[in-house]
Amino acid sequence: MSFLHSDLFLIILFILNIILLICSIISNIRIKNIHKKDKIFMEKLGDGKNIKEDLEKYMHRVSTAEEEIRKLSVHYKELDKKTEKCIQKVGIVRYNAYKDTGSDLSFAVCLLDEKNNGIVFNGIYSRDMSNIYAKPIEDGKSKYKVTPEEQEAISRAMN
């Protein structure tokens, strides 16, 4: 205990404090030198510009692009759902409904969506008049009787 109160102990403690202070100053100088070298290195990499700033800008652009991609993905899924019910398949057949007419002026047109739901139109032309009939199509079939030409138009649309 008496050693703790002696002058020798105080001198040793003082020397240790000075050594620690010198080590701290040396460490600070080394850190500043490393920081300067890092800054010079980053400027050389960035062609005179600070590459850290460029990286921060790039990371901001990447995060913005990721957000845009997420929004576009949501929009794409909504459009995909909507287009399921849009006309995607068309089948057309021209034919001569009556022997006394000279050309294939009658027609059957089938318009279907992705799930083969839609409508088939049959336009029958004669010299005296023209008539157009429509029949609904569900899952590629109609609950009404279809003509061979209408069935061919449905088959063409589905294929």
N, C-alpha and C. Protein backbone atom coordinates (compact mmCIF):
# COMPACT_ATOMS: atom_id res chain seq x y z
N MET A 1 0.80 -1.18 0.00
CA MET A 1 0.00 0.00 0.00
C MET A 1 0.85 1.26 0.00
N SER A 2 1.92 1.18 0.66
CA SER A 2 2.78 2.36 0.73
C SER A 2 3.40 2.66 -0.63
N PHE A 3 3.53 1.60 -1.47
CA PHE A 3 4.07 1.80 -2.81
C PHE A 3 3.14 2.67 -3.65
N LEU A 4 1.81 2.52 -3.44
CA LEU A 4 0.83 3.30 -4.20
C LEU A 4 0.93 4.78 -3.87
N HIS A 5 1.45 5.12 -2.71
CA HIS A 5 1.57 6.52 -2.32
C HIS A 5 2.97 7.05 -2.56
N SER A 6 3.85 6.25 -3.08
CA SER A 6 5.23 6.68 -3.26
C SER A 6 5.39 7.50 -4.53
N ASP A 7 6.50 8.23 -4.59
CA ASP A 7 6.80 9.06 -5.74
C ASP A 7 7.12 8.21 -6.96
N LEU A 8 7.72 7.07 -6.74
CA LEU A 8 8.08 6.19 -7.85
C LEU A 8 6.83 5.72 -8.58
N PHE A 9 5.83 5.39 -7.85
CA PHE A 9 4.57 4.94 -8.47
C PHE A 9 3.94 6.07 -9.29
N LEU A 10 3.97 7.27 -8.77
CA LEU A 10 3.41 8.41 -9.48
C LEU A 10 4.20 8.69 -10.76
N ILE A 11 5.51 8.55 -10.70
CA ILE A 11 6.35 8.76 -11.88
C ILE A 11 6.05 7.71 -12.94
N ILE A 12 5.90 6.45 -12.55
CA ILE A 12 5.58 5.36 -13.49
C ILE A 12 4.20 5.61 -14.11
N LEU A 13 3.28 6.03 -13.30
CA LEU A 13 1.94 6.32 -13.81
C LEU A 13 1.97 7.49 -14.80
N PHE A 14 2.75 8.49 -14.51
CA PHE A 14 2.90 9.65 -15.38
C PHE A 14 3.52 9.23 -16.72
N ILE A 15 4.56 8.40 -16.66
CA ILE A 15 5.22 7.91 -17.89
C ILE A 15 4.25 7.07 -18.72
N LEU A 16 3.48 6.24 -18.05
CA LEU A 16 2.49 5.42 -18.79
C LEU A 16 1.44 6.32 -19.46
N ASN A 17 1.02 7.35 -18.77
CA ASN A 17 0.06 8.29 -19.38
C ASN A 17 0.66 8.98 -20.59
N ILE A 18 1.91 9.38 -20.51
CA ILE A 18 2.56 10.03 -21.65
C ILE A 18 2.68 9.05 -22.81
N ILE A 19 3.05 7.80 -22.51
CA ILE A 19 3.16 6.77 -23.55
C ILE A 19 1.79 6.56 -24.22
N LEU A 20 0.74 6.49 -23.42
CA LEU A 20 -0.61 6.32 -23.97
C LEU A 20 -1.04 7.53 -24.81
N LEU A 21 -0.67 8.71 -24.35
CA LEU A 21 -0.98 9.91 -25.10
C LEU A 21 -0.26 9.91 -26.44
N ILE A 22 1.02 9.52 -26.43
CA ILE A 22 1.80 9.44 -27.68
C ILE A 22 1.19 8.40 -28.62
N CYS A 23 0.79 7.25 -28.06
CA CYS A 23 0.15 6.19 -28.89
C CYS A 23 -1.15 6.70 -29.48
N SER A 24 -1.92 7.43 -28.71
CA SER A 24 -3.18 7.99 -29.18
C SER A 24 -2.94 8.99 -30.31
N ILE A 25 -1.95 9.86 -30.15
CA ILE A 25 -1.62 10.84 -31.19
C ILE A 25 -1.16 10.14 -32.46
N ILE A 26 -0.31 9.12 -32.32
CA ILE A 26 0.17 8.35 -33.47
C ILE A 26 -1.00 7.67 -34.18
N SER A 27 -1.91 7.09 -33.41
CA SER A 27 -3.09 6.43 -34.01
C SER A 27 -3.94 7.43 -34.76
N ASN A 28 -4.16 8.61 -34.19
CA ASN A 28 -4.95 9.64 -34.88
C ASN A 28 -4.27 10.08 -36.17
N ILE A 29 -2.96 10.24 -36.14
CA ILE A 29 -2.23 10.63 -37.35
C ILE A 29 -2.36 9.55 -38.42
N ARG A 30 -2.23 8.28 -38.02
CA ARG A 30 -2.37 7.17 -38.98
C ARG A 30 -3.78 7.12 -39.56
N ILE A 31 -4.78 7.34 -38.71
CA ILE A 31 -6.17 7.32 -39.20
C ILE A 31 -6.38 8.44 -40.21
N LYS A 32 -5.84 9.64 -39.92
CA LYS A 32 -5.98 10.76 -40.86
C LYS A 32 -5.27 10.44 -42.18
N ASN A 33 -4.09 9.83 -42.10
CA ASN A 33 -3.36 9.45 -43.32
C ASN A 33 -4.15 8.42 -44.13
N ILE A 34 -4.71 7.45 -43.44
CA ILE A 34 -5.53 6.43 -44.14
C ILE A 34 -6.73 7.09 -44.78
N HIS A 35 -7.35 8.02 -44.07
CA HIS A 35 -8.51 8.72 -44.61
C HIS A 35 -8.12 9.52 -45.86
N LYS A 36 -6.97 10.20 -45.83
CA LYS A 36 -6.51 10.96 -47.00
C LYS A 36 -6.23 10.03 -48.17
N LYS A 37 -5.54 8.91 -47.89
CA LYS A 37 -5.24 7.95 -48.96
C LYS A 37 -6.52 7.37 -49.54
N ASP A 38 -7.49 7.10 -48.67
CA ASP A 38 -8.77 6.57 -49.12
C ASP A 38 -9.47 7.58 -50.02
N LYS A 39 -9.45 8.84 -49.63
CA LYS A 39 -10.09 9.88 -50.42
C LYS A 39 -9.41 10.02 -51.78
N ILE A 40 -8.08 10.01 -51.80
CA ILE A 40 -7.32 10.10 -53.06
C ILE A 40 -7.62 8.89 -53.94
N PHE A 41 -7.65 7.71 -53.33
CA PHE A 41 -7.94 6.47 -54.06
C PHE A 41 -9.34 6.52 -54.66
N MET A 42 -10.31 6.95 -53.89
CA MET A 42 -11.69 7.02 -54.38
C MET A 42 -11.81 8.05 -55.51
N GLU A 43 -11.08 9.17 -55.41
CA GLU A 43 -11.13 10.16 -56.48
C GLU A 43 -10.48 9.64 -57.74
N LYS A 44 -9.39 8.86 -57.60
CA LYS A 44 -8.75 8.27 -58.78
C LYS A 44 -9.68 7.27 -59.45
N LEU A 45 -10.40 6.47 -58.64
CA LEU A 45 -11.34 5.51 -59.21
C LEU A 45 -12.48 6.22 -59.93
N GLY A 46 -12.90 7.35 -59.41
CA GLY A 46 -14.03 8.07 -59.98
C GLY A 46 -13.64 9.07 -61.04
N ASP A 47 -12.42 8.99 -61.61
CA ASP A 47 -11.95 9.92 -62.64
C ASP A 47 -12.06 11.37 -62.18
N GLY A 48 -11.58 11.65 -61.01
CA GLY A 48 -11.59 13.01 -60.48
C GLY A 48 -12.79 13.31 -59.60
N LYS A 49 -13.81 12.48 -59.68
CA LYS A 49 -14.98 12.66 -58.83
C LYS A 49 -14.86 11.70 -57.65
N ASN A 50 -15.57 12.01 -56.63
CA ASN A 50 -15.57 11.13 -55.47
C ASN A 50 -16.48 9.94 -55.76
N ILE A 51 -15.90 8.76 -55.77
CA ILE A 51 -16.66 7.56 -56.14
C ILE A 51 -17.71 7.21 -55.08
N LYS A 52 -17.49 7.63 -53.84
CA LYS A 52 -18.49 7.36 -52.82
C LYS A 52 -19.80 8.06 -53.15
N GLU A 53 -19.69 9.30 -53.63
CA GLU A 53 -20.89 10.03 -54.03
C GLU A 53 -21.57 9.33 -55.20
N ASP A 54 -20.75 8.87 -56.15
CA ASP A 54 -21.30 8.15 -57.30
C ASP A 54 -22.00 6.87 -56.85
N LEU A 55 -21.38 6.16 -55.91
CA LEU A 55 -22.00 4.93 -55.41
C LEU A 55 -23.30 5.21 -54.69
N GLU A 56 -23.34 6.28 -53.92
CA GLU A 56 -24.58 6.65 -53.24
C GLU A 56 -25.67 6.98 -54.25
N LYS A 57 -25.31 7.75 -55.30
CA LYS A 57 -26.28 8.07 -56.35
C LYS A 57 -26.76 6.80 -57.05
N TYR A 58 -25.80 5.92 -57.33
CA TYR A 58 -26.14 4.66 -58.00
C TYR A 58 -27.08 3.83 -57.13
N MET A 59 -26.80 3.74 -55.85
CA MET A 59 -27.65 2.96 -54.94
C MET A 59 -29.05 3.57 -54.87
N HIS A 60 -29.13 4.89 -54.89
CA HIS A 60 -30.44 5.55 -54.90
C HIS A 60 -31.19 5.20 -56.18
N ARG A 61 -30.47 5.24 -57.31
CA ARG A 61 -31.10 4.89 -58.59
C ARG A 61 -31.56 3.43 -58.60
N VAL A 62 -30.76 2.55 -58.02
CA VAL A 62 -31.14 1.13 -57.96
C VAL A 62 -32.39 0.95 -57.12
N SER A 63 -32.44 1.61 -55.97
CA SER A 63 -33.63 1.46 -55.12
C SER A 63 -34.86 2.06 -55.80
N THR A 64 -34.67 3.17 -56.53
CA THR A 64 -35.78 3.76 -57.28
C THR A 64 -36.24 2.80 -58.39
N ALA A 65 -35.28 2.19 -59.07
CA ALA A 65 -35.62 1.24 -60.13
C ALA A 65 -36.33 0.01 -59.57
N GLU A 66 -35.90 -0.45 -58.41
CA GLU A 66 -36.57 -1.59 -57.78
C GLU A 66 -38.02 -1.26 -57.46
N GLU A 67 -38.27 -0.05 -56.97
CA GLU A 67 -39.63 0.38 -56.67
C GLU A 67 -40.47 0.46 -57.95
N GLU A 68 -39.88 0.98 -59.01
CA GLU A 68 -40.58 1.06 -60.30
C GLU A 68 -40.90 -0.35 -60.83
N ILE A 69 -39.95 -1.25 -60.68
CA ILE A 69 -40.18 -2.63 -61.14
C ILE A 69 -41.31 -3.27 -60.35
N ARG A 70 -41.36 -3.00 -59.05
CA ARG A 70 -42.43 -3.54 -58.22
C ARG A 70 -43.78 -2.99 -58.68
N LYS A 71 -43.84 -1.69 -58.95
CA LYS A 71 -45.08 -1.07 -59.42
C LYS A 71 -45.48 -1.65 -60.79
N LEU A 72 -44.49 -1.80 -61.68
CA LEU A 72 -44.78 -2.36 -63.01
C LEU A 72 -45.25 -3.80 -62.91
N SER A 73 -44.70 -4.55 -61.97
CA SER A 73 -45.12 -5.93 -61.78
C SER A 73 -46.58 -6.00 -61.36
N VAL A 74 -46.97 -5.13 -60.43
CA VAL A 74 -48.37 -5.08 -60.00
C VAL A 74 -49.26 -4.70 -61.18
N HIS A 75 -48.83 -3.68 -61.94
CA HIS A 75 -49.60 -3.23 -63.10
C HIS A 75 -49.70 -4.35 -64.15
N TYR A 76 -48.60 -5.05 -64.35
CA TYR A 76 -48.57 -6.16 -65.32
C TYR A 76 -49.57 -7.24 -64.92
N LYS A 77 -49.62 -7.58 -63.63
CA LYS A 77 -50.56 -8.61 -63.17
C LYS A 77 -52.00 -8.17 -63.37
N GLU A 78 -52.29 -6.88 -63.12
CA GLU A 78 -53.64 -6.36 -63.35
C GLU A 78 -54.00 -6.45 -64.83
N LEU A 79 -53.06 -6.06 -65.70
CA LEU A 79 -53.32 -6.13 -67.14
C LEU A 79 -53.51 -7.57 -67.60
N ASP A 80 -52.73 -8.46 -67.02
CA ASP A 80 -52.84 -9.87 -67.38
C ASP A 80 -54.23 -10.41 -67.05
N LYS A 81 -54.76 -10.01 -65.89
CA LYS A 81 -56.11 -10.43 -65.51
C LYS A 81 -57.14 -9.85 -66.47
N LYS A 82 -56.96 -8.58 -66.86
CA LYS A 82 -57.91 -7.93 -67.75
C LYS A 82 -57.88 -8.54 -69.15
N THR A 83 -56.70 -8.89 -69.64
CA THR A 83 -56.60 -9.41 -71.00
C THR A 83 -57.13 -10.83 -71.13
N GLU A 84 -57.32 -11.53 -70.02
CA GLU A 84 -57.91 -12.87 -70.10
C GLU A 84 -59.28 -12.81 -70.77
N LYS A 85 -60.00 -11.71 -70.54
CA LYS A 85 -61.36 -11.58 -71.06
C LYS A 85 -61.43 -10.80 -72.37
N CYS A 86 -60.28 -10.40 -72.90
CA CYS A 86 -60.26 -9.69 -74.18
C CYS A 86 -60.24 -10.69 -75.33
N ILE A 87 -60.67 -10.22 -76.48
CA ILE A 87 -60.64 -11.09 -77.66
C ILE A 87 -59.19 -11.38 -78.02
N GLN A 88 -58.87 -12.66 -78.06
CA GLN A 88 -57.50 -13.07 -78.36
C GLN A 88 -57.43 -14.05 -79.53
N LYS A 89 -58.57 -14.65 -79.83
CA LYS A 89 -58.58 -15.68 -80.88
C LYS A 89 -59.71 -15.36 -81.86
N VAL A 90 -59.39 -15.46 -83.14
CA VAL A 90 -60.36 -15.16 -84.19
C VAL A 90 -60.33 -16.27 -85.22
N GLY A 91 -61.50 -16.72 -85.60
CA GLY A 91 -61.62 -17.71 -86.68
C GLY A 91 -62.64 -17.21 -87.69
N ILE A 92 -62.28 -17.26 -88.97
CA ILE A 92 -63.16 -16.76 -90.03
C ILE A 92 -63.31 -17.84 -91.10
N VAL A 93 -64.57 -18.04 -91.53
CA VAL A 93 -64.85 -18.98 -92.62
C VAL A 93 -65.79 -18.27 -93.59
N ARG A 94 -65.39 -18.24 -94.86
CA ARG A 94 -66.28 -17.72 -95.91
C ARG A 94 -66.86 -18.91 -96.66
N TYR A 95 -68.15 -18.79 -97.00
CA TYR A 95 -68.79 -19.91 -97.70
C TYR A 95 -69.96 -19.40 -98.54
N ASN A 96 -70.43 -20.28 -99.40
CA ASN A 96 -71.58 -19.98 -100.25
C ASN A 96 -72.80 -20.64 -99.61
N ALA A 97 -73.71 -19.82 -99.08
CA ALA A 97 -74.87 -20.37 -98.36
C ALA A 97 -75.90 -20.96 -99.31
N TYR A 98 -76.03 -20.40 -100.51
CA TYR A 98 -77.02 -20.87 -101.47
C TYR A 98 -76.35 -21.14 -102.81
N LYS A 99 -76.81 -22.16 -103.47
CA LYS A 99 -76.21 -22.56 -104.73
C LYS A 99 -76.43 -21.51 -105.82
N ASP A 100 -77.51 -20.74 -105.74
CA ASP A 100 -77.83 -19.81 -106.81
C ASP A 100 -77.06 -18.49 -106.71
N THR A 101 -76.33 -18.26 -105.60
CA THR A 101 -75.49 -17.05 -105.52
C THR A 101 -74.12 -17.40 -106.07
N GLY A 102 -73.45 -16.42 -106.62
CA GLY A 102 -72.24 -16.73 -107.36
C GLY A 102 -70.94 -16.74 -106.57
N SER A 103 -70.93 -16.31 -105.34
CA SER A 103 -69.66 -16.14 -104.66
C SER A 103 -69.78 -16.53 -103.18
N ASP A 104 -68.62 -16.65 -102.53
CA ASP A 104 -68.61 -16.96 -101.09
C ASP A 104 -68.83 -15.68 -100.29
N LEU A 105 -70.05 -15.18 -100.30
CA LEU A 105 -70.36 -13.93 -99.62
C LEU A 105 -70.90 -14.15 -98.20
N SER A 106 -71.23 -15.35 -97.85
CA SER A 106 -71.65 -15.66 -96.48
C SER A 106 -70.40 -15.91 -95.64
N PHE A 107 -70.54 -15.73 -94.34
CA PHE A 107 -69.36 -15.89 -93.48
C PHE A 107 -69.77 -16.32 -92.08
N ALA A 108 -68.81 -16.92 -91.39
CA ALA A 108 -68.93 -17.21 -89.97
C ALA A 108 -67.65 -16.69 -89.31
N VAL A 109 -67.84 -15.89 -88.27
CA VAL A 109 -66.71 -15.30 -87.55
C VAL A 109 -66.85 -15.65 -86.08
N CYS A 110 -65.77 -16.19 -85.51
CA CYS A 110 -65.76 -16.53 -84.09
C CYS A 110 -64.73 -15.67 -83.38
N LEU A 111 -65.12 -15.04 -82.27
CA LEU A 111 -64.24 -14.20 -81.45
C LEU A 111 -64.20 -14.80 -80.04
N LEU A 112 -63.00 -15.22 -79.60
CA LEU A 112 -62.87 -15.89 -78.30
C LEU A 112 -61.81 -15.21 -77.43
N ASP A 113 -62.00 -15.34 -76.11
CA ASP A 113 -60.98 -14.86 -75.17
C ASP A 113 -60.02 -16.01 -74.85
N GLU A 114 -59.19 -15.80 -73.85
CA GLU A 114 -58.18 -16.80 -73.48
C GLU A 114 -58.79 -18.14 -73.06
N LYS A 115 -59.98 -18.10 -72.45
CA LYS A 115 -60.62 -19.32 -71.95
C LYS A 115 -61.67 -19.86 -72.91
N ASN A 116 -61.56 -19.47 -74.17
CA ASN A 116 -62.47 -19.91 -75.23
C ASN A 116 -63.93 -19.54 -74.97
N ASN A 117 -64.13 -18.37 -74.40
CA ASN A 117 -65.47 -17.81 -74.23
C ASN A 117 -65.59 -16.64 -75.20
N GLY A 118 -66.78 -16.51 -75.81
CA GLY A 118 -66.95 -15.41 -76.74
C GLY A 118 -68.25 -15.53 -77.52
N ILE A 119 -68.14 -15.30 -78.82
CA ILE A 119 -69.33 -15.26 -79.67
C ILE A 119 -68.96 -15.71 -81.08
N VAL A 120 -69.95 -16.30 -81.75
CA VAL A 120 -69.78 -16.64 -83.16
C VAL A 120 -70.89 -15.92 -83.93
N PHE A 121 -70.49 -15.22 -84.99
CA PHE A 121 -71.43 -14.53 -85.87
C PHE A 121 -71.54 -15.33 -87.16
N ASN A 122 -72.75 -15.41 -87.68
CA ASN A 122 -72.96 -16.07 -88.96
C ASN A 122 -73.73 -15.10 -89.85
N GLY A 123 -73.09 -14.65 -90.93
CA GLY A 123 -73.74 -13.75 -91.88
C GLY A 123 -74.12 -14.52 -93.12
N ILE A 124 -75.42 -14.64 -93.36
CA ILE A 124 -75.91 -15.42 -94.51
C ILE A 124 -76.38 -14.43 -95.58
N TYR A 125 -75.75 -14.54 -96.75
CA TYR A 125 -76.05 -13.64 -97.86
C TYR A 125 -76.87 -14.39 -98.91
N SER A 126 -77.93 -13.73 -99.33
CA SER A 126 -78.69 -14.23 -100.49
C SER A 126 -78.94 -13.04 -101.40
N ARG A 127 -79.48 -13.28 -102.60
CA ARG A 127 -79.71 -12.18 -103.53
C ARG A 127 -80.75 -11.20 -103.01
N ASP A 128 -81.66 -11.68 -102.21
CA ASP A 128 -82.75 -10.82 -101.73
C ASP A 128 -82.42 -10.11 -100.42
N MET A 129 -81.62 -10.72 -99.58
CA MET A 129 -81.35 -10.11 -98.27
C MET A 129 -80.10 -10.74 -97.64
N SER A 130 -79.68 -10.11 -96.54
CA SER A 130 -78.58 -10.66 -95.74
C SER A 130 -79.04 -10.68 -94.28
N ASN A 131 -78.70 -11.75 -93.59
CA ASN A 131 -79.04 -11.87 -92.17
C ASN A 131 -77.78 -12.20 -91.39
N ILE A 132 -77.70 -11.65 -90.19
CA ILE A 132 -76.57 -11.96 -89.32
C ILE A 132 -77.13 -12.52 -88.01
N TYR A 133 -76.56 -13.65 -87.60
CA TYR A 133 -76.98 -14.31 -86.36
C TYR A 133 -75.77 -14.39 -85.43
N ALA A 134 -76.03 -14.34 -84.13
CA ALA A 134 -74.94 -14.43 -83.14
C ALA A 134 -75.31 -15.48 -82.11
N LYS A 135 -74.29 -16.25 -81.71
CA LYS A 135 -74.48 -17.28 -80.68
C LYS A 135 -73.34 -17.19 -79.67
N PRO A 136 -73.67 -17.25 -78.40
CA PRO A 136 -72.61 -17.19 -77.38
C PRO A 136 -71.82 -18.50 -77.34
N ILE A 137 -70.55 -18.37 -76.99
CA ILE A 137 -69.66 -19.53 -76.87
C ILE A 137 -69.08 -19.55 -75.46
N GLU A 138 -69.18 -20.70 -74.79
CA GLU A 138 -68.58 -20.88 -73.47
C GLU A 138 -67.73 -22.14 -73.49
N ASP A 139 -66.49 -22.00 -73.10
CA ASP A 139 -65.53 -23.12 -73.11
C ASP A 139 -65.46 -23.80 -74.48
N GLY A 140 -65.56 -23.01 -75.53
CA GLY A 140 -65.42 -23.52 -76.89
C GLY A 140 -66.67 -24.18 -77.44
N LYS A 141 -67.79 -24.08 -76.72
CA LYS A 141 -69.03 -24.73 -77.17
C LYS A 141 -70.19 -23.76 -77.01
N SER A 142 -71.21 -23.96 -77.84
CA SER A 142 -72.42 -23.15 -77.75
C SER A 142 -73.57 -24.02 -77.28
N LYS A 143 -74.44 -23.44 -76.47
CA LYS A 143 -75.61 -24.22 -76.04
C LYS A 143 -76.67 -24.25 -77.14
N TYR A 144 -76.45 -23.45 -78.19
CA TYR A 144 -77.33 -23.47 -79.35
C TYR A 144 -76.71 -24.34 -80.43
N LYS A 145 -77.57 -24.85 -81.31
CA LYS A 145 -77.06 -25.67 -82.41
C LYS A 145 -76.24 -24.78 -83.36
N VAL A 146 -75.04 -25.24 -83.71
CA VAL A 146 -74.18 -24.49 -84.61
C VAL A 146 -74.11 -25.17 -85.97
N THR A 147 -73.94 -24.37 -87.00
CA THR A 147 -73.81 -24.90 -88.35
C THR A 147 -72.38 -25.43 -88.53
N PRO A 148 -72.16 -26.22 -89.57
CA PRO A 148 -70.79 -26.70 -89.82
C PRO A 148 -69.81 -25.54 -90.03
N GLU A 149 -70.26 -24.47 -90.69
CA GLU A 149 -69.38 -23.33 -90.92
C GLU A 149 -69.05 -22.62 -89.60
N GLU A 150 -70.03 -22.49 -88.73
CA GLU A 150 -69.80 -21.88 -87.41
C GLU A 150 -68.84 -22.74 -86.59
N GLN A 151 -69.03 -24.06 -86.66
CA GLN A 151 -68.15 -24.96 -85.93
C GLN A 151 -66.72 -24.88 -86.46
N GLU A 152 -66.57 -24.72 -87.77
CA GLU A 152 -65.25 -24.57 -88.35
C GLU A 152 -64.59 -23.25 -87.89
N ALA A 153 -65.39 -22.18 -87.83
CA ALA A 153 -64.87 -20.89 -87.35
C ALA A 153 -64.45 -21.01 -85.87
N ILE A 154 -65.23 -21.73 -85.07
CA ILE A 154 -64.87 -21.94 -83.64
C ILE A 154 -63.58 -22.74 -83.56
N SER A 155 -63.48 -23.79 -84.35
CA SER A 155 -62.26 -24.62 -84.34
C SER A 155 -61.03 -23.81 -84.77
N ARG A 156 -61.18 -22.99 -85.80
CA ARG A 156 -60.05 -22.16 -86.25
C ARG A 156 -59.64 -21.17 -85.16
N ALA A 157 -60.61 -20.59 -84.47
CA ALA A 157 -60.29 -19.65 -83.41
C ALA A 157 -59.56 -20.33 -82.26
N MET A 158 -59.98 -21.53 -81.91
CA MET A 158 -59.35 -22.24 -80.78
C MET A 158 -57.96 -22.75 -81.14
N ASN A 159 -57.72 -22.97 -82.43
CA ASN A 159 -56.39 -23.44 -82.85
C ASN A 159 -55.56 -22.27 -83.29
